[in-house]
C-alpha atoms as a PDB file:
ATOM      1  CA  MET A   1     -11.914  -2.591   4.810  1.00  0.00           C
ATOM      2  CA  ASN A   2      -9.915  -5.106   2.879  1.00  0.00           C
ATOM      3  CA  VAL A   3      -7.109  -4.002   0.418  1.00  0.00           C
ATOM      4  CA  ILE A   4      -7.081  -5.427  -2.985  1.00  0.00           C
ATOM      5  CA  GLU A   5      -3.569  -5.558  -4.866  1.00  0.00           C
ATOM      6  CA  THR A   6      -2.726  -6.016  -8.479  1.00  0.00           C
ATOM      7  CA  GLU A   7       0.597  -5.955 -10.035  1.00  0.00           C
ATOM      8  CA  ARG A   8       0.557  -2.115 -10.244  1.00  0.00           C
ATOM      9  CA  LEU A   9      -2.486  -0.802  -7.945  1.00  0.00           C
ATOM     10  CA  LEU A  10      -3.652  -0.822  -4.577  1.00  0.00           C
ATOM     11  CA  LEU A  11      -7.556  -0.595  -4.133  1.00  0.00           C
ATOM     12  CA  ARG A  12      -8.454   0.494  -0.534  1.00  0.00           C
ATOM     13  CA  GLY A  13     -10.672   2.648   1.485  1.00  0.00           C
ATOM     14  CA  PHE A  14     -10.314   6.549   1.551  1.00  0.00           C
ATOM     15  CA  LYS A  15      -8.023   8.036   4.278  1.00  0.00           C
ATOM     16  CA  GLU A  16      -7.862  11.632   5.656  1.00  0.00           C
ATOM     17  CA  GLU A  17      -4.482  11.894   3.693  1.00  0.00           C
ATOM     18  CA  ASP A  18      -6.335  11.513   0.350  1.00  0.00           C
ATOM     19  CA  ILE A  19      -8.400  14.671   1.141  1.00  0.00           C
ATOM     20  CA  PRO A  20      -6.161  17.250  -0.654  1.00  0.00           C
ATOM     21  CA  THR A  21      -5.805  15.017  -3.827  1.00  0.00           C
ATOM     22  CA  LEU A  22      -9.557  14.380  -3.960  1.00  0.00           C
ATOM     23  CA  HIS A  23     -10.277  18.103  -3.438  1.00  0.00           C
ATOM     24  CA  SER A  24      -8.216  18.938  -6.515  1.00  0.00           C
ATOM     25  CA  VAL A  25     -10.761  16.783  -8.397  1.00  0.00           C
ATOM     26  CA  PHE A  26     -13.835  17.658  -6.529  1.00  0.00           C
ATOM     27  CA  SER A  27     -13.293  21.283  -6.648  1.00  0.00           C
ATOM     28  CA  ASP A  28     -12.890  21.292 -10.454  1.00  0.00           C
ATOM     29  CA  ALA A  29     -16.065  22.746 -12.142  1.00  0.00           C
ATOM     30  CA  GLU A  30     -15.768  20.744 -15.299  1.00  0.00           C
ATOM     31  CA  THR A  31     -15.371  17.553 -13.212  1.00  0.00           C
ATOM     32  CA  MET A  32     -18.292  18.330 -11.061  1.00  0.00           C
ATOM     33  CA  GLU A  33     -20.518  19.431 -14.045  1.00  0.00           C
ATOM     34  CA  PHE A  34     -23.445  17.075 -12.981  1.00  0.00           C
ATOM     35  CA  TYR A  35     -23.237  18.092  -9.261  1.00  0.00           C
ATOM     36  CA  PRO A  36     -24.883  21.150  -8.088  1.00  0.00           C
ATOM     37  CA  ALA A  37     -21.615  22.785  -7.461  1.00  0.00           C
ATOM     38  CA  PRO A  38     -17.996  21.892  -7.140  1.00  0.00           C
ATOM     39  CA  PHE A  39     -17.012  21.090  -3.460  1.00  0.00           C
ATOM     40  CA  ARG A  40     -15.502  23.225  -0.971  1.00  0.00           C
ATOM     41  CA  TYR A  41     -12.759  21.716   1.015  1.00  0.00           C
ATOM     42  CA  ASP A  42     -15.089  21.090   3.985  1.00  0.00           C
ATOM     43  CA  GLN A  43     -17.355  19.065   1.577  1.00  0.00           C
ATOM     44  CA  THR A  44     -14.551  17.081   0.330  1.00  0.00           C
ATOM     45  CA  LYS A  45     -13.586  16.293   3.919  1.00  0.00           C
ATOM     46  CA  SER A  46     -17.181  15.333   4.873  1.00  0.00           C
ATOM     47  CA  TRP A  47     -17.267  13.105   1.830  1.00  0.00           C
ATOM     48  CA  VAL A  48     -14.431  11.114   2.873  1.00  0.00           C
ATOM     49  CA  LYS A  49     -15.746  10.852   6.394  1.00  0.00           C
ATOM     50  CA  ARG A  50     -19.034   9.589   5.071  1.00  0.00           C
ATOM     51  CA  ASN A  51     -17.314   6.932   3.174  1.00  0.00           C
ATOM     52  CA  GLN A  52     -15.165   5.930   6.307  1.00  0.00           C
ATOM     53  CA  ILE A  53     -18.603   5.557   8.177  1.00  0.00           C
ATOM     54  CA  ARG A  54     -19.933   3.302   5.428  1.00  0.00           C
ATOM     55  CA  TYR A  55     -16.898   1.023   5.570  1.00  0.00           C
ATOM     56  CA  LYS A  56     -17.579   0.531   9.279  1.00  0.00           C
ATOM     57  CA  GLU A  57     -21.199   0.356   9.517  1.00  0.00           C
ATOM     58  CA  ASP A  58     -22.114  -1.362   6.154  1.00  0.00           C
ATOM     59  CA  GLY A  59     -18.857  -3.319   5.579  1.00  0.00           C
ATOM     60  CA  PHE A  60     -18.405  -1.893   2.058  1.00  0.00           C
ATOM     61  CA  GLY A  61     -17.953   1.393   0.347  1.00  0.00           C
ATOM     62  CA  LEU A  62     -16.010   3.166  -2.500  1.00  0.00           C
ATOM     63  CA  TRP A  63     -12.513   2.312  -3.487  1.00  0.00           C
ATOM     64  CA  ALA A  64      -9.534   4.494  -3.524  1.00  0.00           C
ATOM     65  CA  VAL A  65      -7.122   3.399  -6.463  1.00  0.00           C
ATOM     66  CA  CYS A  66      -3.551   4.018  -5.657  1.00  0.00           C
ATOM     67  CA  LEU A  67      -0.358   3.499  -7.561  1.00  0.00           C
ATOM     68  CA  LYS A  68       1.312   0.395  -5.644  1.00  0.00           C
ATOM     69  CA  GLU A  69       4.823   1.826  -6.301  1.00  0.00           C
ATOM     70  CA  SER A  70       4.269   5.183  -4.694  1.00  0.00           C
ATOM     71  CA  GLY A  71       1.094   4.733  -2.715  1.00  0.00           C
ATOM     72  CA  GLU A  72      -0.183   7.846  -4.461  1.00  0.00           C
ATOM     73  CA  LEU A  73      -3.857   8.209  -4.799  1.00  0.00           C
ATOM     74  CA  ASN A  74      -4.582   7.981  -8.713  1.00  0.00           C
ATOM     75  CA  ARG A  75      -6.575  10.827 -10.264  1.00  0.00           C
END
């Protein structure tokens, strides 16, 4: 998957290293209000894996938005 760069941001595919940060969002009940339930850690991991498969098989997918300076996934 390609990476898009702006002055401050990187847009890239999700990586396994993103799982802990994503899980802090996906496990929050308020954030996940319109899902059946907040995600367990294994569900977050599966979500990342599914997106990685989409990149390979379909050539596109969701983007991770990261701060360019630190590489940190933006929440």
